[in-house]
All heavy atoms as atom14 arrays in JSON, in Angstrom:
{
  "sequence": "ATVFAALFFEPMGAEFAQIVSFFTVGVSFLFRPLGAFLAGHFGDRI",
  "atom14_mask": [
    [1, 1, 1, 1, 1, 0, 0, 0, 0, 0, 0, 0, 0, 0],
    [1, 1, 1, 1, 1, 1, 1, 0, 0, 0, 0, 0, 0, 0],
    [1, 1, 1, 1, 1, 1, 1, 0, 0, 0, 0, 0, 0, 0],
    [1, 1, 1, 1, 1, 1, 1, 1, 1, 1, 1, 0, 0, 0],
    [1, 1, 1, 1, 1, 0, 0, 0, 0, 0, 0, 0, 0, 0],
    [1, 1, 1, 1, 1, 0, 0, 0, 0, 0, 0, 0, 0, 0],
    [1, 1, 1, 1, 1, 1, 1, 1, 0, 0, 0, 0, 0, 0],
    [1, 1, 1, 1, 1, 1, 1, 1, 1, 1, 1, 0, 0, 0],
    [1, 1, 1, 1, 1, 1, 1, 1, 1, 1, 1, 0, 0, 0],
    [1, 1, 1, 1, 1, 1, 1, 1, 1, 0, 0, 0, 0, 0],
    [1, 1, 1, 1, 1, 1, 1, 0, 0, 0, 0, 0, 0, 0],
    [1, 1, 1, 1, 1, 1, 1, 1, 0, 0, 0, 0, 0, 0],
    [1, 1, 1, 1, 0, 0, 0, 0, 0, 0, 0, 0, 0, 0],
    [1, 1, 1, 1, 1, 0, 0, 0, 0, 0, 0, 0, 0, 0],
    [1, 1, 1, 1, 1, 1, 1, 1, 1, 0, 0, 0, 0, 0],
    [1, 1, 1, 1, 1, 1, 1, 1, 1, 1, 1, 0, 0, 0],
    [1, 1, 1, 1, 1, 0, 0, 0, 0, 0, 0, 0, 0, 0],
    [1, 1, 1, 1, 1, 1, 1, 1, 1, 0, 0, 0, 0, 0],
    [1, 1, 1, 1, 1, 1, 1, 1, 0, 0, 0, 0, 0, 0],
    [1, 1, 1, 1, 1, 1, 1, 0, 0, 0, 0, 0, 0, 0],
    [1, 1, 1, 1, 1, 1, 0, 0, 0, 0, 0, 0, 0, 0],
    [1, 1, 1, 1, 1, 1, 1, 1, 1, 1, 1, 0, 0, 0],
    [1, 1, 1, 1, 1, 1, 1, 1, 1, 1, 1, 0, 0, 0],
    [1, 1, 1, 1, 1, 1, 1, 0, 0, 0, 0, 0, 0, 0],
    [1, 1, 1, 1, 1, 1, 1, 0, 0, 0, 0, 0, 0, 0],
    [1, 1, 1, 1, 0, 0, 0, 0, 0, 0, 0, 0, 0, 0],
    [1, 1, 1, 1, 1, 1, 1, 0, 0, 0, 0, 0, 0, 0],
    [1, 1, 1, 1, 1, 1, 0, 0, 0, 0, 0, 0, 0, 0],
    [1, 1, 1, 1, 1, 1, 1, 1, 1, 1, 1, 0, 0, 0],
    [1, 1, 1, 1, 1, 1, 1, 1, 0, 0, 0, 0, 0, 0],
    [1, 1, 1, 1, 1, 1, 1, 1, 1, 1, 1, 0, 0, 0],
    [1, 1, 1, 1, 1, 1, 1, 1, 1, 1, 1, 0, 0, 0],
    [1, 1, 1, 1, 1, 1, 1, 0, 0, 0, 0, 0, 0, 0],
    [1, 1, 1, 1, 1, 1, 1, 1, 0, 0, 0, 0, 0, 0],
    [1, 1, 1, 1, 0, 0, 0, 0, 0, 0, 0, 0, 0, 0],
    [1, 1, 1, 1, 1, 0, 0, 0, 0, 0, 0, 0, 0, 0],
    [1, 1, 1, 1, 1, 1, 1, 1, 1, 1, 1, 0, 0, 0],
    [1, 1, 1, 1, 1, 1, 1, 1, 0, 0, 0, 0, 0, 0],
    [1, 1, 1, 1, 1, 0, 0, 0, 0, 0, 0, 0, 0, 0],
    [1, 1, 1, 1, 0, 0, 0, 0, 0, 0, 0, 0, 0, 0],
    [1, 1, 1, 1, 1, 1, 1, 1, 1, 1, 0, 0, 0, 0],
    [1, 1, 1, 1, 1, 1, 1, 1, 1, 1, 1, 0, 0, 0],
    [1, 1, 1, 1, 0, 0, 0, 0, 0, 0, 0, 0, 0, 0],
    [1, 1, 1, 1, 1, 1, 1, 1, 0, 0, 0, 0, 0, 0],
    [1, 1, 1, 1, 1, 1, 1, 1, 1, 1, 1, 0, 0, 0],
    [1, 1, 1, 1, 1, 1, 1, 1, 0, 0, 0, 0, 0, 0]
  ],
  "atom14_positions": [
    [[6.08, -36.45, -47.26], [6.84, -35.27, -46.84], [6.0, -33.99, -46.9], [6.29, -33.04, -46.17], [8.07, -35.11, -47.73], [0.0, 0.0, 0.0], [0.0, 0.0, 0.0], [0.0, 0.0, 0.0], [0.0, 0.0, 0.0], [0.0, 0.0, 0.0], [0.0, 0.0, 0.0], [0.0, 0.0, 0.0], [0.0, 0.0, 0.0], [0.0, 0.0, 0.0]],
    [[4.97, -33.98, -47.75], [4.27, -32.72, -48.0], [2.8, -32.69, -47.58], [2.3, -31.64, -47.18], [4.36, -32.35, -49.49], [3.86, -33.46, -50.27], [5.79, -32.05, -49.9], [0.0, 0.0, 0.0], [0.0, 0.0, 0.0], [0.0, 0.0, 0.0], [0.0, 0.0, 0.0], [0.0, 0.0, 0.0], [0.0, 0.0, 0.0], [0.0, 0.0, 0.0]],
    [[2.07, -33.8, -47.66], [0.63, -33.73, -47.41], [0.07, -34.74, -46.41], [-0.95, -34.48, -45.76], [-0.19, -33.86, -48.73], [0.18, -32.77, -49.71], [0.02, -35.24, -49.37], [0.0, 0.0, 0.0], [0.0, 0.0, 0.0], [0.0, 0.0, 0.0], [0.0, 0.0, 0.0], [0.0, 0.0, 0.0], [0.0, 0.0, 0.0], [0.0, 0.0, 0.0]],
    [[0.69, -35.9, -46.27], [0.08, -36.96, -45.46], [-0.04, -36.58, -43.97], [-0.97, -37.0, -43.3], [0.85, -38.27, -45.6], [0.59, -38.97, -46.91], [1.39, -40.04, -47.31], [-0.45, -38.6, -47.74], [1.16, -40.69, -48.5], [-0.69, -39.24, -48.93], [0.12, -40.29, -49.33], [0.0, 0.0, 0.0], [0.0, 0.0, 0.0], [0.0, 0.0, 0.0]],
    [[0.93, -35.83, -43.46], [0.86, -35.45, -42.04], [-0.42, -34.69, -41.75], [-1.11, -34.94, -40.75], [2.08, -34.61, -41.66], [0.0, 0.0, 0.0], [0.0, 0.0, 0.0], [0.0, 0.0, 0.0], [0.0, 0.0, 0.0], [0.0, 0.0, 0.0], [0.0, 0.0, 0.0], [0.0, 0.0, 0.0], [0.0, 0.0, 0.0], [0.0, 0.0, 0.0]],
    [[-0.78, -33.75, -42.62], [-1.97, -32.93, -42.41], [-3.26, -33.67, -42.75], [-4.29, -33.46, -42.1], [-1.88, -31.65, -43.25], [0.0, 0.0, 0.0], [0.0, 0.0, 0.0], [0.0, 0.0, 0.0], [0.0, 0.0, 0.0], [0.0, 0.0, 0.0], [0.0, 0.0, 0.0], [0.0, 0.0, 0.0], [0.0, 0.0, 0.0], [0.0, 0.0, 0.0]],
    [[-3.22, -34.57, -43.73], [-4.45, -35.2, -44.2], [-4.78, -36.51, -43.49], [-5.95, -36.89, -43.41], [-4.35, -35.47, -45.71], [-4.16, -34.23, -46.6], [-4.11, -34.64, -48.06], [-5.26, -33.22, -46.38], [0.0, 0.0, 0.0], [0.0, 0.0, 0.0], [0.0, 0.0, 0.0], [0.0, 0.0, 0.0], [0.0, 0.0, 0.0], [0.0, 0.0, 0.0]],
    [[-3.75, -37.22, -42.99], [-4.0, -38.54, -42.4], [-3.61, -38.63, -40.92], [-4.11, -39.5, -40.2], [-3.24, -39.61, -43.18], [-3.8, -39.86, -44.54], [-3.38, -39.12, -45.64], [-4.77, -40.83, -44.75], [-3.9, -39.35, -46.9], [-5.3, -41.07, -46.01], [-4.87, -40.32, -47.09], [0.0, 0.0, 0.0], [0.0, 0.0, 0.0], [0.0, 0.0, 0.0]],
    [[-2.7, -37.76, -40.45], [-2.2, -37.89, -39.08], [-2.35, -36.61, -38.26], [-1.71, -36.45, -37.22], [-0.72, -38.31, -39.11], [-0.46, -39.56, -39.9], [0.08, -39.5, -41.18], [-0.78, -40.8, -39.38], [0.32, -40.65, -41.91], [-0.56, -41.96, -40.11], [-0.01, -41.89, -41.37], [0.0, 0.0, 0.0], [0.0, 0.0, 0.0], [0.0, 0.0, 0.0]],
    [[-3.18, -35.69, -38.69], [-3.29, -34.38, -38.04], [-3.61, -34.44, -36.55], [-3.06, -33.64, -35.76], [-4.35, -33.53, -38.75], [-4.41, -32.11, -38.23], [-5.48, -31.29, -38.91], [-6.44, -31.89, -39.45], [-5.38, -30.05, -38.89], [0.0, 0.0, 0.0], [0.0, 0.0, 0.0], [0.0, 0.0, 0.0], [0.0, 0.0, 0.0], [0.0, 0.0, 0.0]],
    [[-4.46, -35.37, -36.06], [-4.77, -35.38, -34.62], [-3.56, -35.6, -33.72], [-3.63, -35.35, -32.51], [-5.77, -36.54, -34.49], [-6.41, -36.64, -35.84], [-5.32, -36.32, -36.8], [0.0, 0.0, 0.0], [0.0, 0.0, 0.0], [0.0, 0.0, 0.0], [0.0, 0.0, 0.0], [0.0, 0.0, 0.0], [0.0, 0.0, 0.0], [0.0, 0.0, 0.0]],
    [[-2.44, -36.05, -34.28], [-1.24, -36.3, -33.47], [-0.47, -35.03, -33.16], [0.51, -35.07, -32.42], [-0.33, -37.3, -34.19], [-0.95, -38.66, -34.37], [0.16, -39.8, -35.24], [-0.8, -41.31, -35.2], [0.0, 0.0, 0.0], [0.0, 0.0, 0.0], [0.0, 0.0, 0.0], [0.0, 0.0, 0.0], [0.0, 0.0, 0.0], [0.0, 0.0, 0.0]],
    [[-0.86, -33.91, -33.77], [-0.1, -32.68, -33.59], [0.88, -32.5, -34.72], [1.42, -33.47, -35.26], [0.0, 0.0, 0.0], [0.0, 0.0, 0.0], [0.0, 0.0, 0.0], [0.0, 0.0, 0.0], [0.0, 0.0, 0.0], [0.0, 0.0, 0.0], [0.0, 0.0, 0.0], [0.0, 0.0, 0.0], [0.0, 0.0, 0.0], [0.0, 0.0, 0.0]],
    [[1.14, -31.26, -35.1], [1.9, -30.96, -36.32], [3.26, -31.65, -36.39], [3.58, -32.33, -37.36], [2.06, -29.46, -36.46], [0.0, 0.0, 0.0], [0.0, 0.0, 0.0], [0.0, 0.0, 0.0], [0.0, 0.0, 0.0], [0.0, 0.0, 0.0], [0.0, 0.0, 0.0], [0.0, 0.0, 0.0], [0.0, 0.0, 0.0], [0.0, 0.0, 0.0]],
    [[4.09, -31.5, -35.34], [5.44, -32.04, -35.4], [5.46, -33.57, -35.34], [6.16, -34.23, -36.11], [6.3, -31.45, -34.27], [6.62, -29.98, -34.47], [7.66, -29.49, -33.49], [7.97, -30.23, -32.53], [8.16, -28.37, -33.67], [0.0, 0.0, 0.0], [0.0, 0.0, 0.0], [0.0, 0.0, 0.0], [0.0, 0.0, 0.0], [0.0, 0.0, 0.0]],
    [[4.7, -34.15, -34.41], [4.69, -35.6, -34.29], [4.03, -36.24, -35.5], [4.44, -37.32, -35.94], [3.97, -36.02, -33.01], [4.11, -37.49, -32.69], [5.36, -38.04, -32.46], [3.0, -38.31, -32.64], [5.51, -39.39, -32.19], [3.13, -39.66, -32.35], [4.39, -40.2, -32.13], [0.0, 0.0, 0.0], [0.0, 0.0, 0.0], [0.0, 0.0, 0.0]],
    [[3.01, -35.58, -36.07], [2.35, -36.1, -37.26], [3.35, -36.23, -38.41], [3.31, -37.2, -39.18], [1.19, -35.2, -37.66], [0.0, 0.0, 0.0], [0.0, 0.0, 0.0], [0.0, 0.0, 0.0], [0.0, 0.0, 0.0], [0.0, 0.0, 0.0], [0.0, 0.0, 0.0], [0.0, 0.0, 0.0], [0.0, 0.0, 0.0], [0.0, 0.0, 0.0]],
    [[4.27, -35.26, -38.53], [5.25, -35.34, -39.62], [6.23, -36.48, -39.4], [6.62, -37.18, -40.34], [6.02, -34.02, -39.74], [6.93, -33.95, -40.95], [6.18, -34.17, -42.25], [5.26, -33.42, -42.58], [6.55, -35.21, -43.0], [0.0, 0.0, 0.0], [0.0, 0.0, 0.0], [0.0, 0.0, 0.0], [0.0, 0.0, 0.0], [0.0, 0.0, 0.0]],
    [[6.64, -36.7, -38.14], [7.53, -37.84, -37.86], [6.83, -39.15, -38.19], [7.41, -40.05, -38.8], [7.98, -37.81, -36.39], [8.95, -36.63, -36.15], [8.67, -39.12, -36.0], [9.42, -36.5, -34.73], [0.0, 0.0, 0.0], [0.0, 0.0, 0.0], [0.0, 0.0, 0.0], [0.0, 0.0, 0.0], [0.0, 0.0, 0.0], [0.0, 0.0, 0.0]],
    [[5.56, -39.28, -37.81], [4.8, -40.5, -38.1], [4.62, -40.67, -39.6], [4.7, -41.78, -40.14], [3.43, -40.48, -37.39], [2.58, -41.67, -37.82], [3.62, -40.49, -35.88], [0.0, 0.0, 0.0], [0.0, 0.0, 0.0], [0.0, 0.0, 0.0], [0.0, 0.0, 0.0], [0.0, 0.0, 0.0], [0.0, 0.0, 0.0], [0.0, 0.0, 0.0]],
    [[4.4, -39.56, -40.31], [4.27, -39.63, -41.76], [5.54, -40.18, -42.4], [5.49, -41.05, -43.28], [3.96, -38.24, -42.32], [3.73, -38.28, -43.7], [0.0, 0.0, 0.0], [0.0, 0.0, 0.0], [0.0, 0.0, 0.0], [0.0, 0.0, 0.0], [0.0, 0.0, 0.0], [0.0, 0.0, 0.0], [0.0, 0.0, 0.0], [0.0, 0.0, 0.0]],
    [[6.7, -39.7, -41.93], [7.98, -40.24, -42.42], [8.15, -41.7, -41.97], [8.75, -42.51, -42.68], [9.15, -39.4, -41.93], [9.41, -38.17, -42.75], [9.61, -36.94, -42.16], [9.45, -38.24, -44.14], [9.86, -35.81, -42.91], [9.7, -37.11, -44.91], [9.9, -35.89, -44.29], [0.0, 0.0, 0.0], [0.0, 0.0, 0.0], [0.0, 0.0, 0.0]],
    [[7.62, -42.04, -40.8], [7.7, -43.41, -40.32], [6.99, -44.37, -41.28], [7.45, -45.48, -41.52], [7.09, -43.53, -38.93], [7.04, -44.93, -38.39], [8.17, -45.54, -37.88], [5.85, -45.67, -38.43], [8.13, -46.84, -37.4], [5.8, -46.97, -37.95], [6.94, -47.56, -37.44], [0.0, 0.0, 0.0], [0.0, 0.0, 0.0], [0.0, 0.0, 0.0]],
    [[5.86, -43.93, -41.86], [5.15, -44.81, -42.81], [5.98, -45.07, -44.06], [5.82, -46.11, -44.71], [3.78, -44.23, -43.21], [3.97, -43.03, -44.0], [2.94, -43.92, -42.0], [0.0, 0.0, 0.0], [0.0, 0.0, 0.0], [0.0, 0.0, 0.0], [0.0, 0.0, 0.0], [0.0, 0.0, 0.0], [0.0, 0.0, 0.0], [0.0, 0.0, 0.0]],
    [[6.86, -44.12, -44.41], [7.79, -44.37, -45.51], [8.7, -45.54, -45.15], [8.94, -46.46, -45.94], [8.65, -43.12, -45.82], [9.68, -43.43, -46.91], [7.76, -41.96, -46.26], [0.0, 0.0, 0.0], [0.0, 0.0, 0.0], [0.0, 0.0, 0.0], [0.0, 0.0, 0.0], [0.0, 0.0, 0.0], [0.0, 0.0, 0.0], [0.0, 0.0, 0.0]],
    [[9.18, -45.54, -43.9], [10.08, -46.6, -43.45], [9.4, -47.92, -43.19], [10.03, -48.98, -43.31], [0.0, 0.0, 0.0], [0.0, 0.0, 0.0], [0.0, 0.0, 0.0], [0.0, 0.0, 0.0], [0.0, 0.0, 0.0], [0.0, 0.0, 0.0], [0.0, 0.0, 0.0], [0.0, 0.0, 0.0], [0.0, 0.0, 0.0], [0.0, 0.0, 0.0]],
    [[8.09, -47.9, -42.86], [7.38, -49.15, -42.58], [7.48, -50.12, -43.75], [7.66, -51.33, -43.57], [5.89, -48.86, -42.26], [5.03, -50.1, -42.43], [5.76, -48.35, -40.84], [0.0, 0.0, 0.0], [0.0, 0.0, 0.0], [0.0, 0.0, 0.0], [0.0, 0.0, 0.0], [0.0, 0.0, 0.0], [0.0, 0.0, 0.0], [0.0, 0.0, 0.0]],
    [[7.39, -49.6, -44.95], [7.43, -50.49, -46.11], [8.75, -51.25, -46.19], [8.8, -52.38, -46.67], [7.23, -49.69, -47.4], [8.36, -48.9, -47.68], [0.0, 0.0, 0.0], [0.0, 0.0, 0.0], [0.0, 0.0, 0.0], [0.0, 0.0, 0.0], [0.0, 0.0, 0.0], [0.0, 0.0, 0.0], [0.0, 0.0, 0.0], [0.0, 0.0, 0.0]],
    [[9.84, -50.64, -45.69], [11.14, -51.3, -45.72], [11.16, -52.54, -44.83], [11.88, -53.5, -45.12], [12.24, -50.33, -45.27], [12.56, -49.25, -46.26], [11.73, -48.17, -46.43], [13.71, -49.33, -47.04], [12.03, -47.16, -47.34], [14.02, -48.34, -47.95], [13.18, -47.25, -48.1], [0.0, 0.0, 0.0], [0.0, 0.0, 0.0], [0.0, 0.0, 0.0]],
    [[10.39, -52.48, -43.75], [10.36, -53.63, -42.85], [9.76, -54.85, -43.54], [10.03, -55.99, -43.13], [9.54, -53.29, -41.6], [10.07, -52.13, -40.75], [9.15, -51.89, -39.55], [11.49, -52.42, -40.28], [0.0, 0.0, 0.0], [0.0, 0.0, 0.0], [0.0, 0.0, 0.0], [0.0, 0.0, 0.0], [0.0, 0.0, 0.0], [0.0, 0.0, 0.0]],
    [[8.97, -54.63, -44.57], [8.33, -55.73, -45.29], [9.07, -56.08, -46.59], [8.69, -57.02, -47.28], [6.87, -55.39, -45.58], [6.02, -55.41, -44.35], [5.9, -54.28, -43.55], [5.36, -56.57, -43.95], [5.15, -54.31, -42.38], [4.6, -56.6, -42.79], [4.49, -55.47, -42.01], [0.0, 0.0, 0.0], [0.0, 0.0, 0.0], [0.0, 0.0, 0.0]],
    [[10.12, -55.33, -46.9], [10.93, -55.69, -48.07], [11.55, -57.08, -47.93], [11.59, -57.83, -48.9], [12.03, -54.65, -48.29], [11.56, -53.4, -49.0], [12.76, -52.61, -49.48], [12.38, -51.32, -50.01], [13.26, -50.49, -50.57], [14.53, -50.83, -50.66], [12.86, -49.33, -51.04], [0.0, 0.0, 0.0], [0.0, 0.0, 0.0], [0.0, 0.0, 0.0]],
    [[12.08, -57.44, -46.73], [12.63, -58.8, -46.63], [11.59, -59.88, -46.93], [11.93, -60.9, -47.52], [13.11, -58.87, -45.17], [13.39, -57.47, -44.79], [12.35, -56.65, -45.51], [0.0, 0.0, 0.0], [0.0, 0.0, 0.0], [0.0, 0.0, 0.0], [0.0, 0.0, 0.0], [0.0, 0.0, 0.0], [0.0, 0.0, 0.0], [0.0, 0.0, 0.0]],
    [[10.32, -59.67, -46.53], [9.28, -60.64, -46.86], [9.13, -60.76, -48.37], [9.08, -61.87, -48.92], [7.96, -60.23, -46.22], [6.74, -61.12, -46.56], [6.99, -62.56, -46.13], [5.48, -60.55, -45.92], [0.0, 0.0, 0.0], [0.0, 0.0, 0.0], [0.0, 0.0, 0.0], [0.0, 0.0, 0.0], [0.0, 0.0, 0.0], [0.0, 0.0, 0.0]],
    [[9.09, -59.61, -49.05], [9.02, -59.65, -50.51], [10.24, -60.29, -51.11], [10.16, -61.04, -52.09], [0.0, 0.0, 0.0], [0.0, 0.0, 0.0], [0.0, 0.0, 0.0], [0.0, 0.0, 0.0], [0.0, 0.0, 0.0], [0.0, 0.0, 0.0], [0.0, 0.0, 0.0], [0.0, 0.0, 0.0], [0.0, 0.0, 0.0], [0.0, 0.0, 0.0]],
    [[11.41, -60.0, -50.52], [12.66, -60.58, -51.02], [12.69, -62.09, -50.8], [13.13, -62.85, -51.68], [13.85, -59.92, -50.33], [0.0, 0.0, 0.0], [0.0, 0.0, 0.0], [0.0, 0.0, 0.0], [0.0, 0.0, 0.0], [0.0, 0.0, 0.0], [0.0, 0.0, 0.0], [0.0, 0.0, 0.0], [0.0, 0.0, 0.0], [0.0, 0.0, 0.0]],
    [[12.23, -62.56, -49.64], [12.19, -63.99, -49.35], [11.26, -64.7, -50.34], [11.62, -65.74, -50.9], [11.71, -64.23, -47.92], [12.81, -64.22, -46.89], [13.34, -63.02, -46.44], [13.33, -65.4, -46.38], [14.34, -62.99, -45.5], [14.36, -65.38, -45.44], [14.86, -64.17, -44.99], [0.0, 0.0, 0.0], [0.0, 0.0, 0.0], [0.0, 0.0, 0.0]],
    [[10.07, -64.14, -50.52], [9.09, -64.78, -51.41], [9.57, -64.76, -52.86], [9.56, -65.79, -53.54], [7.74, -64.07, -51.29], [7.02, -64.22, -49.94], [5.78, -63.34, -49.91], [6.64, -65.68, -49.69], [0.0, 0.0, 0.0], [0.0, 0.0, 0.0], [0.0, 0.0, 0.0], [0.0, 0.0, 0.0], [0.0, 0.0, 0.0], [0.0, 0.0, 0.0]],
    [[9.98, -63.57, -53.32], [10.43, -63.47, -54.71], [11.72, -64.23, -54.93], [11.92, -64.84, -55.99], [10.61, -61.99, -55.08], [0.0, 0.0, 0.0], [0.0, 0.0, 0.0], [0.0, 0.0, 0.0], [0.0, 0.0, 0.0], [0.0, 0.0, 0.0], [0.0, 0.0, 0.0], [0.0, 0.0, 0.0], [0.0, 0.0, 0.0], [0.0, 0.0, 0.0]],
    [[12.62, -64.2, -53.92], [13.86, -64.95, -54.05], [13.62, -66.44, -54.14], [14.2, -67.13, -54.98], [0.0, 0.0, 0.0], [0.0, 0.0, 0.0], [0.0, 0.0, 0.0], [0.0, 0.0, 0.0], [0.0, 0.0, 0.0], [0.0, 0.0, 0.0], [0.0, 0.0, 0.0], [0.0, 0.0, 0.0], [0.0, 0.0, 0.0], [0.0, 0.0, 0.0]],
    [[12.74, -66.95, -53.27], [12.43, -68.38, -53.28], [11.82, -68.8, -54.62], [12.31, -69.73, -55.28], [11.46, -68.72, -52.14], [11.0, -70.15, -52.16], [11.77, -71.18, -51.68], [9.85, -70.72, -52.62], [11.12, -72.33, -51.84], [9.95, -72.06, -52.4], [0.0, 0.0, 0.0], [0.0, 0.0, 0.0], [0.0, 0.0, 0.0], [0.0, 0.0, 0.0]],
    [[10.77, -68.09, -55.03], [10.1, -68.48, -56.28], [10.89, -68.08, -57.51], [10.8, -68.73, -58.55], [8.69, -67.87, -56.31], [7.75, -68.5, -55.32], [7.36, -67.81, -54.19], [7.29, -69.8, -55.5], [6.51, -68.39, -53.26], [6.45, -70.4, -54.57], [6.06, -69.7, -53.45], [0.0, 0.0, 0.0], [0.0, 0.0, 0.0], [0.0, 0.0, 0.0]],
    [[11.7, -67.01, -57.39], [12.56, -66.63, -58.51], [13.63, -67.65, -58.78], [14.01, -67.88, -59.93], [0.0, 0.0, 0.0], [0.0, 0.0, 0.0], [0.0, 0.0, 0.0], [0.0, 0.0, 0.0], [0.0, 0.0, 0.0], [0.0, 0.0, 0.0], [0.0, 0.0, 0.0], [0.0, 0.0, 0.0], [0.0, 0.0, 0.0], [0.0, 0.0, 0.0]],
    [[14.14, -68.29, -57.72], [15.12, -69.36, -57.89], [14.46, -70.69, -58.23], [15.13, -71.64, -58.65], [15.97, -69.51, -56.62], [17.03, -68.41, -56.49], [17.52, -67.95, -57.52], [17.33, -68.02, -55.34], [0.0, 0.0, 0.0], [0.0, 0.0, 0.0], [0.0, 0.0, 0.0], [0.0, 0.0, 0.0], [0.0, 0.0, 0.0], [0.0, 0.0, 0.0]],
    [[13.14, -70.78, -57.99], [12.41, -72.04, -58.24], [11.66, -72.04, -59.58], [11.72, -73.01, -60.33], [11.41, -72.29, -57.11], [12.03, -72.55, -55.75], [12.63, -73.94, -55.66], [11.63, -74.97, -55.81], [11.9, -76.25, -56.16], [13.14, -76.61, -56.39], [10.94, -77.13, -56.25], [0.0, 0.0, 0.0], [0.0, 0.0, 0.0], [0.0, 0.0, 0.0]],
    [[10.94, -70.94, -59.88], [10.11, -70.94, -61.1], [10.55, -69.93, -62.13], [10.01, -69.9, -63.24], [8.61, -70.71, -60.77], [8.4, -69.31, -60.2], [8.1, -71.77, -59.79], [6.93, -68.96, -59.98], [0.0, 0.0, 0.0], [0.0, 0.0, 0.0], [0.0, 0.0, 0.0], [0.0, 0.0, 0.0], [0.0, 0.0, 0.0], [0.0, 0.0, 0.0]]
  ]
}
Protein backbone atom coordinates (compact mmCIF):
# COMPACT_ATOMS: atom_id res chain seq x y z
CA ALA A 1 0.00 0.00 0.00
CA THR A 2 2.86 2.40 0.72
CA VAL A 3 6.15 1.55 -1.03
CA PHE A 4 6.02 -1.35 -3.52
CA ALA A 5 4.33 0.64 -6.30
CA ALA A 6 7.21 3.12 -6.40
CA LEU A 7 10.04 0.65 -5.75
CA PHE A 8 9.00 -2.38 -7.83
CA PHE A 9 6.33 -1.28 -10.35
CA GLU A 10 7.17 2.36 -11.12
CA PRO A 11 7.57 1.91 -14.94
CA MET A 12 3.84 1.11 -15.14
CA GLY A 13 2.88 4.66 -14.16
CA ALA A 14 1.80 5.91 -10.75
CA GLU A 15 -1.89 4.92 -10.75
CA PHE A 16 -1.58 1.58 -12.54
CA ALA A 17 1.50 0.68 -10.48
CA GLN A 18 -0.58 1.04 -7.30
CA ILE A 19 -3.33 -1.21 -8.68
CA VAL A 20 -0.72 -3.83 -9.63
CA SER A 21 0.87 -3.51 -6.19
CA PHE A 22 -2.50 -4.27 -4.59
CA PHE A 23 -2.93 -7.09 -7.12
CA THR A 24 0.19 -8.80 -5.72
CA VAL A 25 -1.55 -8.82 -2.32
CA GLY A 26 -4.40 -10.75 -3.95
CA VAL A 27 -2.13 -13.10 -5.93
CA SER A 28 -1.19 -14.95 -2.77
CA PHE A 29 -4.88 -15.75 -2.18
CA LEU A 30 -5.02 -17.62 -5.47
CA PHE A 31 -2.44 -20.02 -4.05
CA ARG A 32 -4.12 -20.44 -0.67
CA PRO A 33 -6.24 -23.33 -2.00
CA LEU A 34 -3.03 -25.13 -3.02
CA GLY A 35 -1.69 -24.68 0.50
CA ALA A 36 -5.06 -25.75 1.90
CA PHE A 37 -5.18 -28.86 -0.32
CA LEU A 38 -1.64 -29.89 0.61
CA ALA A 39 -1.94 -29.11 4.32
CA GLY A 40 -5.45 -30.53 4.47
CA HIS A 41 -4.39 -33.79 2.82
CA PHE A 42 -1.30 -34.30 4.96
CA GLY A 43 -2.96 -32.84 8.06
CA ASP A 44 -5.67 -35.49 7.82
CA ARG A 45 -3.04 -38.14 6.97
CA ILE A 46 0.02 -37.45 9.16
